[in-house]
C-alpha cells in the first residue's frame, strides 16, 4: 500500500511505530547536517527528518509539490510545534521514494498565496490544495450531508429530475442544447426543477427534495454563477406556515450542528412592505440598525423645490458620524449618484456634539423643523442624518443601498454574527414599463393570496398590481438564501395567471400545457422552497463570494479559464446538430 497513515493522523501515542506516509512536499528546510520535509495531504502536515548524508542527498533533489512516499519511525520532536496537530512528533526517514515529480508551481501553495485570482482560477487543481479552499469544500460536504440527514428524518424523498427539459423562458435566459435526433429543436437546461417538482406533488410524492444543479444565463457577480446548486424542496397538503416551520427547523439544525449556534426563539417574520419601508430592501440585513425613516410630511410643501416635487423624502441616521468633513460628504454624494445607486443627490443634517443642528438645507428650513426631523430619526449628539427624495419605490431602494454601504464603512456587518428572518407577503406581480406587461415577482406558479383573489380576477391592471402572493424568502445577513411559495394547484387560477402575464391561451398551452393538464387530475395543495446552497455555504464560511465554495467555478464572463470553456465545436459537430454560426468578430 502507498500509506499506512495520513499526514494528519499520527500522535505521541504512535512513537516507535514504523509508518508509511504519502503526500506532497509542502516545504524543505536544511539545518546543518539535517534535512526536514513537511509532507502534506488532505488531512494535514507531518514533519519528516533525516541526518543521514546519503538521504540528505536524496532530499536535495526534491522540490515543492513533488509527490513522495516516506517510510520511517515515529518519534517525539525535540522542538514541538503547538500550531500543528502533528506538532509533537516527526518521522525519522528510513526510505524515501519519489512517486511523481512536479514542475515549479505558478504560485505558492500556502494559506495566503502570491497568486492572483485569474492565475489561481487557471490552475484551480493547485488552488484546491490550499487549506482555505480545501476547508470550504469540506464545509460544503458537511452541510450537504446534514441537509440530507434532516430531510430524510422528516420523510422527504430525494428524487432526481431531468437536466434536458423544454425551454419556458420567463425571467433569466435559458441555456439551450440542440437536439441531433430532432433537427431544429432544442432542450433547455433547467433554471430550477419547478414544474417537475410540482408534477411530483400531483403524482403523490408529498415530500420531495433534491440537492440539484440549476442553470441561468444571466450577468454574473460575487454570489452568482451560470451553474449553481439549490436545495430544492416541495410539500403537499400544506399552508404557508407549515412550510416555514419545517424549513426553519432545517435552518436551526444547520446552525447548531455546523456552527454551534443555537436559536431558541422563532425567526422574525417581516412583511415585504415593512422590509422596503424600513430597510429599502427585500433582503434586509438585521445585524445593525440605521432604519429608514419617512419625513415627507415634515419637509414637503415648505417651499424647497426638490422636496416639494418629490413623492417621498426619507433617510437614515448614521451613528457617530457628525464629524464627517465636507470632503467626505462630497465623496458620499458622488457615490450615491453612481448608476448602481441611482440617487440624484444627498442632503445631510448633523447633530453636533454641542447639540446644535447643521444642515445642507438649513437656509430653507427653520432650526425647529430640522430639530423635529432629527427627532423623527431619534438622532443623538454626534449623529449624521443622510436624506434623499424622489419617486418612493426608487428612493427606498437607493436609501437601502446607502444603508448597506454605511454599514460596511462602519464595520457593522460582522460575518460571524447571524440574523436570520423570513420576508413574507411579496407582491404577486411586477409591472415593466418597457414591455408594458406584468411579470411574476417570483415565478408564474406562485399562488395569489386568498384575500386578494377578487382583485386577481378583476381584469383591472390597477387592482392586479395590488395583489399579494403567498410567497416567502429566507434572508440571512442581507442575502436571500432561499425563496418559495404556496403554489397554484387549481387549473383555473393557473390559466388566469398566464392571462395576467400576457400569455395567449395558445402560447400558455404550448409552453405549460402539460402542467395545466396535470392540475385537472386531482392536484393537491402544495408549496415549497429552494435554498441557494452555494450562498448558504459561503455565509456559513463567513465569506461574500460563492466562488471559493465551488470546486470548479466560472469567472465573471462565464468562462472556465482552466479548460477554456466555452469553446467552438468542429464543423462535423455543427453539421450533425444542423447548426450554422452567423457570429462575426
Protein backbone atom coordinates (compact mmCIF):
# COMPACT_ATOMS: atom_id res chain seq x y z
CA UNK A 1 0.00 0.00 0.00
CA UNK A 2 1.13 3.57 -0.57
CA UNK A 3 0.49 4.66 3.03
CA UNK A 4 -0.34 3.26 6.43
CA UNK A 5 -1.45 6.60 7.87
CA UNK A 6 -2.47 10.05 6.68
CA UNK A 7 -0.36 13.14 7.28
CA UNK A 8 -2.73 14.45 9.93
CA UNK A 9 -3.16 11.28 11.93
CA UNK A 10 -0.06 10.48 13.98
CA UNK A 11 0.36 11.49 17.64
CA UNK A 12 2.77 10.85 20.53
CA UNK A 13 0.99 7.57 21.25
CA UNK A 14 2.34 6.33 17.91
CA UNK A 15 6.01 6.88 18.91
CA UNK A 16 8.16 3.91 17.98
CA UNK A 17 5.90 2.71 15.17
CA UNK A 18 7.19 2.20 11.64
CA UNK A 19 4.83 4.02 9.28
CA UNK A 20 4.47 4.89 5.63
CA UNK A 21 3.19 8.31 4.57
CA UNK A 22 2.41 9.58 1.08
CA UNK A 23 1.71 13.14 0.01
CA UNK A 24 3.04 16.36 -1.44
CA UNK A 25 6.16 18.24 -0.41
CA UNK A 26 4.96 21.41 1.31
CA UNK A 27 8.44 22.73 2.08
CA UNK A 28 12.03 21.59 2.68
CA UNK A 29 14.41 23.05 5.27
CA UNK A 30 18.14 22.46 5.74
CA UNK A 31 19.72 22.99 9.18
CA UNK A 32 23.35 21.96 9.35
CA UNK A 33 23.54 18.27 8.61
CA UNK A 34 19.79 17.75 8.96
CA UNK A 35 17.01 17.94 6.38
CA UNK A 36 13.36 18.49 7.20
CA UNK A 37 10.46 17.75 4.84
CA UNK A 38 6.88 18.84 5.56
CA UNK A 39 4.69 16.21 3.89
CA UNK A 40 1.12 17.30 3.16
CA UNK A 41 -2.11 15.57 2.24
CA UNK A 42 -5.78 16.44 2.65
CA UNK A 43 -5.66 15.60 6.36
CA UNK A 44 -2.68 17.68 7.49
CA UNK A 45 1.10 18.00 7.55
CA UNK A 46 3.72 15.75 9.16
CA UNK A 47 7.38 16.62 9.51
CA UNK A 48 9.92 14.05 8.29
CA UNK A 49 13.60 14.39 9.20
CA UNK A 50 16.96 12.83 8.37
CA UNK A 51 20.60 13.41 9.32
CA UNK A 52 21.94 10.69 7.04
CA UNK A 53 24.27 12.15 4.38
CA UNK A 54 23.02 9.83 1.63
CA UNK A 55 19.39 10.59 2.50
CA UNK A 56 20.21 14.31 2.62
CA UNK A 57 21.42 14.00 -0.97
CA UNK A 58 18.08 12.42 -1.94
CA UNK A 59 16.14 15.17 -0.15
CA UNK A 60 18.15 17.81 -2.03
CA UNK A 61 16.69 16.50 -5.31
CA UNK A 62 13.12 17.19 -4.16
CA UNK A 63 11.06 20.28 -4.95
CA UNK A 64 7.78 21.78 -3.83
CA UNK A 65 4.71 19.71 -4.74
CA UNK A 66 6.67 16.55 -5.52
CA UNK A 67 4.55 13.53 -4.66
CA UNK A 68 6.62 11.35 -2.33
CA UNK A 69 6.43 8.34 -0.08
CA UNK A 70 8.22 8.38 3.27
CA UNK A 71 8.87 5.25 5.32
CA UNK A 72 10.23 5.71 8.81
CA UNK A 73 9.81 5.61 12.57
CA UNK A 74 7.61 7.95 14.60
CA UNK A 75 9.47 9.76 17.35
CA UNK A 76 8.88 12.67 19.72
CA UNK A 77 10.03 16.04 18.45
CA UNK A 78 12.62 17.93 20.46
CA UNK A 79 11.16 21.27 19.36
CA UNK A 80 7.40 20.87 19.35
CA UNK A 81 5.05 22.95 17.19
CA UNK A 82 1.77 23.66 19.02
CA UNK A 83 0.26 25.15 15.84
CA UNK A 84 0.24 21.74 14.14
CA UNK A 85 -1.98 18.81 15.10
CA UNK A 86 1.03 16.57 14.48
CA UNK A 87 3.44 19.04 16.10
CA UNK A 88 4.54 16.69 18.90
CA UNK A 89 6.04 14.08 16.58
CA UNK A 90 8.17 13.64 13.50
CA UNK A 91 9.15 10.77 11.20
CA UNK A 92 12.78 9.66 11.12
CA UNK A 93 13.20 8.84 7.43
CA UNK A 94 14.43 5.34 6.63
CA UNK A 95 13.35 5.25 2.99
CA UNK A 96 12.25 7.95 0.56
CA UNK A 97 10.51 7.33 -2.77
CA UNK A 98 9.59 9.90 -5.40
CA UNK A 99 6.20 8.86 -6.75
CA UNK A 100 5.90 11.81 -9.12
CA UNK A 101 7.99 14.94 -9.54
CA UNK A 102 6.47 18.38 -10.08
CA UNK A 103 7.44 21.42 -12.07
CA UNK A 104 7.62 24.62 -10.05
CA UNK A 105 4.05 25.73 -9.29
CA UNK A 106 2.96 29.10 -10.74
CA UNK A 107 2.09 30.32 -7.23
CA UNK A 108 2.80 29.24 -3.68
CA UNK A 109 0.54 26.54 -2.24
CA UNK A 110 0.10 28.32 1.10
CA UNK A 111 -2.90 29.58 3.08
CA UNK A 112 -2.03 33.09 1.88
CA UNK A 113 -0.90 32.71 -1.71
CA UNK A 114 1.00 35.07 -4.01
CA UNK A 115 -1.23 34.06 -6.94
CA UNK A 116 -3.87 36.45 -8.27
CA UNK A 117 -7.47 35.37 -8.90
CA UNK A 118 -7.04 34.74 -12.63
CA UNK A 119 -3.88 32.70 -12.17
CA UNK A 120 -5.37 30.59 -9.39
CA UNK A 121 -8.53 30.01 -11.46
CA UNK A 122 -6.40 28.78 -14.38
CA UNK A 123 -4.64 26.30 -12.10
CA UNK A 124 -7.66 25.52 -9.96
CA UNK A 125 -6.44 22.00 -9.17
CA UNK A 126 -3.43 23.59 -7.45
CA UNK A 127 -5.51 26.24 -5.72
CA UNK A 128 -7.69 23.49 -4.24
CA UNK A 129 -4.63 22.11 -2.45
CA UNK A 130 -4.58 25.22 -0.25
CA UNK A 131 -6.23 24.94 3.17
CA UNK A 132 -8.81 27.76 2.73
CA UNK A 133 -10.37 26.19 -0.36
CA UNK A 134 -9.98 22.66 0.95
CA UNK A 135 -11.79 23.63 4.15
CA UNK A 136 -14.54 25.36 2.16
CA UNK A 137 -15.27 22.18 0.22
CA UNK A 138 -15.20 20.12 3.43
CA UNK A 139 -17.73 22.56 4.92
CA UNK A 140 -19.88 22.20 1.79
CA UNK A 141 -19.78 18.42 2.11
CA UNK A 142 -20.75 18.53 5.79
CA UNK A 143 -23.63 20.86 5.06
CA UNK A 144 -24.94 18.66 2.24
CA UNK A 145 -24.86 15.60 4.49
CA UNK A 146 -26.71 17.40 7.28
CA UNK A 147 -29.38 18.65 4.88
CA UNK A 148 -29.96 15.10 3.69
CA UNK A 149 -29.98 13.75 7.24
CA UNK A 150 -32.57 16.27 8.44
CA UNK A 151 -34.90 15.93 5.46
CA UNK A 152 -34.69 12.14 5.43
CA UNK A 153 -35.68 12.15 9.12
CA UNK A 154 -38.76 14.19 8.16
CA UNK A 155 -39.92 11.74 5.45
CA UNK A 156 -38.63 13.66 2.42
CA UNK A 157 -37.64 11.58 -0.61
CA UNK A 158 -34.65 12.63 -2.72
CA UNK A 159 -35.87 12.32 -6.32
CA UNK A 160 -33.84 13.31 -9.38
CA UNK A 161 -35.39 15.41 -12.13
CA UNK A 162 -34.13 15.77 -15.74
CA UNK A 163 -31.48 18.22 -16.94
CA UNK A 164 -32.81 18.25 -20.52
CA UNK A 165 -36.25 19.90 -20.50
CA UNK A 166 -38.23 22.21 -22.77
CA UNK A 167 -37.47 25.91 -22.74
CA UNK A 168 -40.03 28.02 -20.88
CA UNK A 169 -38.25 31.39 -20.71
CA UNK A 170 -39.71 33.62 -18.03
CA UNK A 171 -37.07 35.54 -16.08
CA UNK A 172 -33.42 34.71 -16.72
CA UNK A 173 -32.29 33.39 -20.12
CA UNK A 174 -32.16 29.65 -20.62
CA UNK A 175 -29.08 27.73 -21.65
CA UNK A 176 -30.24 25.73 -24.67
CA UNK A 177 -28.99 22.41 -26.07
CA UNK A 178 -29.55 21.46 -29.73
CA UNK A 179 -31.02 18.03 -30.41
CA UNK A 180 -29.29 15.90 -33.06
CA UNK A 181 -32.18 13.45 -33.21
CA UNK A 182 -34.80 16.20 -33.53
CA UNK A 183 -33.37 18.65 -36.07
CA UNK A 184 -34.07 22.31 -35.44
CA UNK A 185 -35.35 21.67 -31.91
CA UNK A 186 -33.70 22.41 -28.59
CA UNK A 187 -33.68 21.31 -24.98
CA UNK A 188 -33.10 23.81 -22.18
CA UNK A 189 -31.09 23.28 -19.03
CA UNK A 190 -33.41 23.87 -16.04
CA UNK A 191 -33.31 27.19 -14.20
CA UNK A 192 -34.91 25.15 -11.42
CA UNK A 193 -36.91 21.90 -11.27
CA UNK A 194 -40.04 23.95 -10.55
CA UNK A 195 -42.55 22.28 -12.84
CA UNK A 196 -41.13 18.79 -12.31
CA UNK A 197 -41.38 19.01 -8.53
CA UNK A 198 -44.97 20.25 -8.80
CA UNK A 199 -45.73 17.26 -11.01
CA UNK A 200 -44.23 15.03 -8.30
CA UNK A 201 -46.79 16.51 -5.90
CA UNK A 202 -49.54 15.66 -8.41
CA UNK A 203 -48.03 12.16 -8.54
CA UNK A 204 -48.49 11.76 -4.79
CA UNK A 205 -44.89 12.09 -3.55
CA UNK A 206 -45.89 14.50 -0.80
CA UNK A 207 -42.37 15.36 0.44
CA UNK A 208 -39.64 15.79 -2.15
CA UNK A 209 -36.15 17.27 -2.06
CA UNK A 210 -33.10 17.37 -4.25
CA UNK A 211 -29.66 18.99 -3.99
CA UNK A 212 -29.64 19.88 -7.65
CA UNK A 213 -27.68 21.77 -10.29
CA UNK A 214 -29.54 24.67 -11.93
CA UNK A 215 -28.56 26.90 -14.86
CA UNK A 216 -29.25 30.55 -15.66
CA UNK A 217 -27.72 32.62 -18.43
CA UNK A 218 -27.51 35.94 -16.59
CA UNK A 219 -24.95 38.59 -15.69
CA UNK A 220 -22.59 37.32 -13.02
CA UNK A 221 -21.45 38.76 -9.69
CA UNK A 222 -19.93 37.55 -6.42
CA UNK A 223 -22.97 35.47 -5.44
CA UNK A 224 -23.94 34.25 -8.93
CA UNK A 225 -22.62 31.52 -11.21
CA UNK A 226 -24.12 30.29 -14.51
CA UNK A 227 -24.44 26.85 -12.91
CA UNK A 228 -25.34 26.75 -9.25
CA UNK A 229 -26.78 24.36 -6.70
CA UNK A 230 -30.14 24.51 -4.94
CA UNK A 231 -31.63 22.62 -2.03
CA UNK A 232 -34.96 22.16 -3.78
CA UNK A 233 -37.95 21.10 -1.67
CA UNK A 234 -41.71 20.66 -2.06
CA UNK A 235 -44.54 19.51 0.24
CA UNK A 236 -48.20 18.61 -0.29
CA UNK A 237 -51.23 19.39 1.86
CA UNK A 238 -49.53 22.40 3.46
CA UNK A 239 -50.19 26.06 4.08
CA UNK A 240 -47.53 28.74 4.28
CA UNK A 241 -46.77 28.37 7.99
CA UNK A 242 -46.34 24.60 7.61
CA UNK A 243 -43.58 25.19 5.08
CA UNK A 244 -41.91 27.93 7.11
CA UNK A 245 -41.95 25.86 10.29
CA UNK A 246 -40.43 22.84 8.54
CA UNK A 247 -37.57 24.72 6.93
CA UNK A 248 -36.95 26.99 9.88
CA UNK A 249 -36.29 23.70 11.65
CA UNK A 250 -33.79 22.78 8.94
CA UNK A 251 -32.02 26.13 9.29
CA UNK A 252 -31.84 25.85 13.08
CA UNK A 253 -30.47 22.33 12.72
CA UNK A 254 -27.75 23.57 10.35
CA UNK A 255 -26.79 26.46 12.62
CA UNK A 256 -26.49 24.20 15.62
CA UNK A 257 -24.68 21.26 14.01
CA UNK A 258 -22.34 23.18 11.69
CA UNK A 259 -21.71 26.44 13.58
CA UNK A 260 -22.67 25.54 17.14
CA UNK A 261 -25.14 28.46 17.06
CA UNK A 262 -28.42 27.70 18.82
CA UNK A 263 -31.58 29.69 18.07
CA UNK A 264 -34.22 29.11 20.74
CA UNK A 265 -36.72 31.75 19.59
CA UNK A 266 -38.68 31.65 16.32
CA UNK A 267 -37.10 33.55 13.44
CA UNK A 268 -38.52 37.01 12.82
CA UNK A 269 -41.18 37.21 10.10
CA UNK A 270 -41.39 40.57 8.31
CA UNK A 271 -43.75 41.65 5.58
CA UNK A 272 -42.30 42.77 2.26
CA UNK A 273 -43.90 46.19 2.79
CA UNK A 274 -42.11 46.65 6.12
CA UNK A 275 -38.82 45.41 4.70
CA UNK A 276 -38.95 48.03 1.95
CA UNK A 277 -40.26 50.75 4.28
CA UNK A 278 -37.61 50.38 6.97
CA UNK A 279 -34.65 48.80 5.14
CA UNK A 280 -35.10 49.73 1.47
CA UNK A 281 -34.53 46.10 0.56
CA UNK A 282 -36.50 42.86 0.35
CA UNK A 283 -33.45 41.14 1.90
CA UNK A 284 -32.73 43.33 4.93
CA UNK A 285 -29.51 42.97 6.89
CA UNK A 286 -30.61 42.90 10.53
CA UNK A 287 -27.11 42.94 12.06
CA UNK A 288 -27.27 46.71 12.54
CA UNK A 289 -29.86 49.46 12.87
CA UNK A 290 -29.91 52.61 10.74
CA UNK A 291 -33.55 52.11 9.76
CA UNK A 292 -35.08 54.25 7.02
CA UNK A 293 -37.42 56.98 8.22
CA UNK A 294 -40.10 58.76 6.19
CA UNK A 295 -40.07 62.54 6.76
CA UNK A 296 -42.16 63.53 3.75
CA UNK A 297 -44.86 65.03 5.98
CA UNK A 298 -42.32 67.21 7.78
CA UNK A 299 -40.43 68.58 4.76
CA UNK A 300 -42.69 68.52 1.70
CA UNK A 301 -44.73 71.63 0.87
CA UNK A 302 -42.42 74.00 2.72
CA UNK A 303 -41.07 75.86 -0.33
CA UNK A 304 -37.98 73.74 -1.04
CA UNK A 305 -38.46 72.71 -4.68
CA UNK A 306 -36.50 69.44 -4.53
CA UNK A 307 -38.73 68.11 -1.75
CA UNK A 308 -41.95 69.71 -2.97
CA UNK A 309 -41.68 67.88 -6.31
CA UNK A 310 -40.91 64.55 -4.67
CA UNK A 311 -43.27 61.72 -3.83
CA UNK A 312 -41.11 60.64 -0.90
CA UNK A 313 -38.48 62.20 1.39
CA UNK A 314 -36.59 59.88 3.73
CA UNK A 315 -33.22 58.97 5.11
CA UNK A 316 -31.07 57.13 7.59
CA UNK A 317 -29.32 58.17 10.80
CA UNK A 318 -25.65 57.18 10.86
CA UNK A 319 -24.39 56.98 14.45
CA UNK A 320 -21.27 58.92 15.44
CA UNK A 321 -20.57 60.43 12.01
CA UNK A 322 -21.46 64.09 12.54
CA UNK A 323 -17.74 64.76 12.26
CA UNK A 324 -17.74 63.89 8.56
CA UNK A 325 -15.88 66.64 6.67
CA UNK A 326 -17.21 68.45 3.63
CA UNK A 327 -14.80 66.40 1.51
CA UNK A 328 -16.19 63.14 2.93
CA UNK A 329 -19.77 64.27 2.35
CA UNK A 330 -18.97 65.31 -1.23
CA UNK A 331 -17.40 61.89 -1.85
CA UNK A 332 -20.50 60.21 -0.43
CA UNK A 333 -22.72 62.38 -2.64
CA UNK A 334 -20.75 61.32 -5.70
CA UNK A 335 -21.07 57.70 -4.55
CA UNK A 336 -24.90 57.80 -4.38
CA UNK A 337 -25.05 59.36 -7.86
CA UNK A 338 -23.47 56.26 -9.39
CA UNK A 339 -25.84 54.21 -11.61
CA UNK A 340 -25.71 51.32 -9.12
CA UNK A 341 -27.35 53.56 -6.50
CA UNK A 342 -29.32 55.86 -8.75
CA UNK A 343 -29.80 58.87 -6.48
CA UNK A 344 -29.79 62.45 -7.75
CA UNK A 345 -28.11 63.82 -4.67
CA UNK A 346 -27.69 63.64 -0.91
CA UNK A 347 -28.80 66.00 1.85
CA UNK A 348 -27.35 65.90 5.36
CA UNK A 349 -28.26 67.03 8.84
CA UNK A 350 -25.60 66.94 11.55
CA UNK A 351 -26.44 66.82 15.23
CA UNK A 352 -23.21 68.19 16.62
CA UNK A 353 -21.69 67.29 19.97
CA UNK A 354 -22.92 70.56 21.49
CA UNK A 355 -26.46 69.77 20.35
CA UNK A 356 -26.53 72.31 17.53
CA UNK A 357 -28.05 71.37 14.17
CA UNK A 358 -26.08 71.93 10.99
CA UNK A 359 -27.51 71.03 7.59
CA UNK A 360 -27.05 71.46 3.86
CA UNK A 361 -30.65 72.77 3.76
CA UNK A 362 -30.65 74.97 6.86
CA UNK A 363 -31.31 78.10 4.77
CA UNK A 364 -34.60 76.55 3.58
CA UNK A 365 -35.87 75.19 6.90
CA UNK A 366 -36.02 76.62 10.38
CA UNK A 367 -33.96 75.10 13.22
CA UNK A 368 -37.24 73.95 14.79
CA UNK A 369 -38.22 71.89 11.72
CA UNK A 370 -34.73 70.40 11.39
CA UNK A 371 -34.78 69.51 15.09
CA UNK A 372 -38.16 67.84 14.58
CA UNK A 373 -36.68 65.88 11.67
CA UNK A 374 -33.76 64.83 13.89
CA UNK A 375 -36.28 63.70 16.48
CA UNK A 376 -38.04 61.54 13.90
CA UNK A 377 -34.70 59.80 13.29
CA UNK A 378 -34.04 59.52 17.06
CA UNK A 379 -30.67 61.15 16.38
CA UNK A 380 -28.28 61.65 19.29
CA UNK A 381 -25.43 64.10 19.63
CA UNK A 382 -22.71 63.24 17.14
CA UNK A 383 -25.06 61.55 14.65
CA UNK A 384 -25.35 62.24 10.92
CA UNK A 385 -28.65 62.10 9.02
CA UNK A 386 -28.43 61.37 5.29
CA UNK A 387 -31.54 62.01 3.17
CA UNK A 388 -32.79 61.51 -0.38
CA UNK A 389 -36.03 62.30 -2.18
CA UNK A 390 -37.86 61.33 -5.35
CA UNK A 391 -40.17 58.54 -6.51
CA UNK A 392 -40.95 56.47 -3.44
CA UNK A 393 -40.01 53.00 -4.68
CA UNK A 394 -36.73 54.08 -6.28
CA UNK A 395 -35.71 56.28 -3.35
CA UNK A 396 -36.31 53.49 -0.85
CA UNK A 397 -34.01 51.18 -2.83
CA UNK A 398 -31.33 53.91 -3.09
CA UNK A 399 -31.51 54.53 0.64
CA UNK A 400 -31.29 50.79 1.28
CA UNK A 401 -28.12 50.63 -0.81
CA UNK A 402 -26.69 53.61 1.09
CA UNK A 403 -27.56 51.93 4.40
CA UNK A 404 -25.56 48.84 3.45
CA UNK A 405 -22.63 50.98 2.30
CA UNK A 406 -22.53 52.86 5.62
CA UNK A 407 -22.78 49.55 7.46
CA UNK A 408 -19.70 48.40 5.55
CA UNK A 409 -17.80 51.63 6.19
CA UNK A 410 -18.52 51.45 9.92
CA UNK A 411 -17.71 47.71 10.13
CA UNK A 412 -21.20 46.89 11.38
CA UNK A 413 -21.63 43.78 9.22
CA UNK A 414 -19.84 41.13 11.28
CA UNK A 415 -19.64 37.97 9.10
CA UNK A 416 -19.73 35.80 12.22
CA UNK A 417 -22.96 37.29 13.57
CA UNK A 418 -26.13 35.70 12.19
CA UNK A 419 -29.52 37.39 11.94
CA UNK A 420 -31.96 35.16 10.04
CA UNK A 421 -35.51 36.16 9.14
CA UNK A 422 -38.41 35.38 6.83
CA UNK A 423 -39.71 38.05 4.47
CA UNK A 424 -43.33 37.28 3.55
CA UNK A 425 -46.29 38.67 1.58
CA UNK A 426 -44.45 39.74 -1.56
CA UNK A 427 -46.40 41.38 -4.37
CA UNK A 428 -47.58 38.75 -6.85
CA UNK A 429 -46.71 40.88 -9.90
CA UNK A 430 -44.22 43.49 -11.06
CA UNK A 431 -45.09 45.94 -13.84
CA UNK A 432 -42.48 46.62 -16.53
CA UNK A 433 -42.83 49.98 -18.28
CA UNK A 434 -40.67 48.96 -21.22
CA UNK A 435 -42.69 45.91 -22.25
CA UNK A 436 -45.98 47.23 -20.81
CA UNK A 437 -46.82 44.00 -19.06
CA UNK A 438 -46.73 42.27 -15.69
CA UNK A 439 -44.03 39.79 -14.71
CA UNK A 440 -44.26 37.33 -11.84
CA UNK A 441 -42.32 38.59 -8.82
CA UNK A 442 -41.25 35.02 -8.01
CA UNK A 443 -42.49 32.78 -10.84
CA UNK A 444 -45.75 32.10 -12.71
CA UNK A 445 -46.72 29.22 -10.42
CA UNK A 446 -46.92 31.29 -7.21
CA UNK A 447 -50.39 31.40 -5.69
CA UNK A 448 -52.11 34.75 -5.12
CA UNK A 449 -53.23 35.43 -1.56
CA UNK A 450 -56.75 34.22 -0.89
CA UNK A 451 -57.72 37.67 0.40
CA UNK A 452 -56.80 39.23 -2.97
CA UNK A 453 -58.46 36.68 -5.23
CA UNK A 454 -61.22 39.09 -6.28
CA UNK A 455 -58.61 41.63 -7.42
CA UNK A 456 -56.70 38.87 -9.19
CA UNK A 457 -59.74 38.01 -11.32
CA UNK A 458 -60.78 41.66 -11.80
CA UNK A 459 -59.07 42.05 -15.21
CA UNK A 460 -58.17 45.55 -13.99
CA UNK A 461 -54.44 46.36 -14.03
CA UNK A 462 -54.62 48.74 -11.06
CA UNK A 463 -56.27 46.09 -8.92
CA UNK A 464 -53.97 43.34 -10.23
CA UNK A 465 -50.96 45.43 -9.18
CA UNK A 466 -52.20 45.32 -5.57
CA UNK A 467 -52.43 41.52 -5.38
CA UNK A 468 -50.09 39.98 -2.82
CA UNK A 469 -48.79 36.43 -3.01
CA UNK A 470 -48.42 33.50 -0.67
CA UNK A 471 -44.65 33.68 -1.03
CA UNK A 472 -41.66 33.97 1.29
CA UNK A 473 -37.89 34.39 1.27
CA UNK A 474 -35.38 33.20 3.84
CA UNK A 475 -32.87 36.01 4.40
CA UNK A 476 -29.56 35.77 6.25
CA UNK A 477 -27.33 38.79 6.85
CA UNK A 478 -28.69 40.75 3.91
CA UNK A 479 -28.57 37.82 1.48
CA UNK A 480 -31.56 35.99 0.08
CA UNK A 481 -30.62 32.40 0.79
CA UNK A 482 -33.95 30.79 -0.07
CA UNK A 483 -37.26 31.58 -1.68
CA UNK A 484 -40.53 29.81 -2.18
CA UNK A 485 -44.29 29.98 -2.16
CA UNK A 486 -47.53 28.15 -1.92
CA UNK A 487 -48.15 27.05 -5.50
CA UNK A 488 -51.17 27.33 -7.70
CA UNK A 489 -52.85 23.91 -7.80
CA UNK A 490 -56.12 24.95 -9.46
CA UNK A 491 -56.10 24.91 -13.29
CA UNK A 492 -58.50 27.87 -13.42
CA UNK A 493 -56.21 30.05 -11.28
CA UNK A 494 -53.15 28.96 -13.25
CA UNK A 495 -54.85 29.88 -16.53
CA UNK A 496 -55.76 33.30 -15.10
CA UNK A 497 -52.13 33.80 -14.03
CA UNK A 498 -50.94 33.21 -17.57
CA UNK A 499 -53.61 35.60 -18.83
CA UNK A 500 -52.50 38.35 -16.40
CA UNK A 501 -48.89 37.81 -17.51
CA UNK A 502 -49.91 38.41 -21.10
CA UNK A 503 -49.74 34.87 -22.47
CA UNK A 504 -52.36 33.96 -25.03
CA UNK A 505 -54.21 30.71 -24.36
CA UNK A 506 -52.37 29.12 -27.28
CA UNK A 507 -48.97 30.30 -26.00
CA UNK A 508 -49.71 29.16 -22.44
CA UNK A 509 -50.84 25.75 -23.72
CA UNK A 510 -47.75 25.47 -25.91
CA UNK A 511 -45.35 26.31 -23.06
CA UNK A 512 -47.09 24.93 -20.00
CA UNK A 513 -49.94 22.75 -21.27
CA UNK A 514 -48.56 19.60 -19.63
CA UNK A 515 -48.66 21.30 -16.19
CA UNK A 516 -52.11 22.85 -16.65
CA UNK A 517 -53.40 19.48 -17.82
CA UNK A 518 -51.88 17.73 -14.79
CA UNK A 519 -53.81 20.04 -12.45
CA UNK A 520 -57.03 18.61 -13.90
CA UNK A 521 -56.24 15.19 -12.40
CA UNK A 522 -56.58 15.96 -8.71
CA UNK A 523 -53.61 18.17 -7.83
CA UNK A 524 -53.14 18.56 -4.05
CA UNK A 525 -52.47 21.92 -2.40
CA UNK A 526 -48.70 22.23 -2.26
CA UNK A 527 -45.83 24.59 -1.64
CA UNK A 528 -42.11 24.58 -1.26
CA UNK A 529 -38.83 26.42 -1.17
CA UNK A 530 -35.41 26.39 -2.80
CA UNK A 531 -32.27 27.42 -0.93
CA UNK A 532 -29.20 28.67 -2.77
CA UNK A 533 -26.77 26.07 -1.48
CA UNK A 534 -23.64 27.89 -2.72
CA UNK A 535 -24.70 31.11 -0.96
CA UNK A 536 -25.63 29.15 2.13
CA UNK A 537 -22.15 27.60 2.27
CA UNK A 538 -20.42 30.95 1.72
CA UNK A 539 -22.37 32.61 4.52
CA UNK A 540 -21.60 29.76 6.91
CA UNK A 541 -17.97 30.12 5.86
CA UNK A 542 -18.03 33.85 6.68
CA UNK A 543 -17.46 34.99 3.08
CA UNK A 544 -19.34 37.06 0.49
CA UNK A 545 -18.36 35.23 -2.67
CA UNK A 546 -19.64 31.78 -3.59
CA UNK A 547 -16.79 31.03 -6.00
CA UNK A 548 -14.44 29.59 -3.39
CA UNK A 549 -17.13 27.15 -2.24
CA UNK A 550 -17.45 25.59 -5.72
CA UNK A 551 -14.76 23.17 -6.88
CA UNK A 552 -14.56 24.42 -10.48
CA UNK A 553 -16.34 27.78 -10.87
CA UNK A 554 -16.59 30.15 -13.82
CA UNK A 555 -15.17 33.68 -13.90
CA UNK A 556 -17.20 36.88 -14.26
CA UNK A 557 -17.51 36.32 -18.00
CA UNK A 558 -18.89 32.82 -17.51
CA UNK A 559 -15.63 31.21 -18.66
CA UNK A 560 -13.79 28.28 -17.14
CA UNK A 561 -10.24 29.59 -17.55
CA UNK A 562 -8.81 26.18 -16.65
CA UNK A 563 -10.21 24.29 -19.66
CA UNK A 564 -11.11 27.44 -21.64
CA UNK A 565 -14.82 26.70 -21.90
CA UNK A 566 -17.00 27.70 -23.68
CA UNK A 567 -15.21 26.89 -26.93
CA UNK A 568 -16.07 26.38 -30.59
CA UNK A 569 -17.09 22.95 -31.80
CA UNK A 570 -15.80 21.47 -35.02
CA UNK A 571 -17.61 21.57 -38.36
CA UNK A 572 -18.65 17.91 -38.12
CA UNK A 573 -20.47 18.52 -34.84
CA UNK A 574 -22.05 21.68 -36.22
CA UNK A 575 -23.33 19.75 -39.23
CA UNK A 576 -24.66 16.89 -37.08
CA UNK A 577 -26.61 19.39 -34.99
CA UNK A 578 -27.91 21.30 -38.04
CA UNK A 579 -26.24 24.49 -36.79
CA UNK A 580 -24.58 27.33 -38.66
CA UNK A 581 -22.79 30.19 -36.94
CA UNK A 582 -23.59 33.75 -38.01
CA UNK A 583 -21.27 35.32 -35.44
CA UNK A 584 -18.51 37.57 -36.75
CA UNK A 585 -15.89 39.28 -34.63
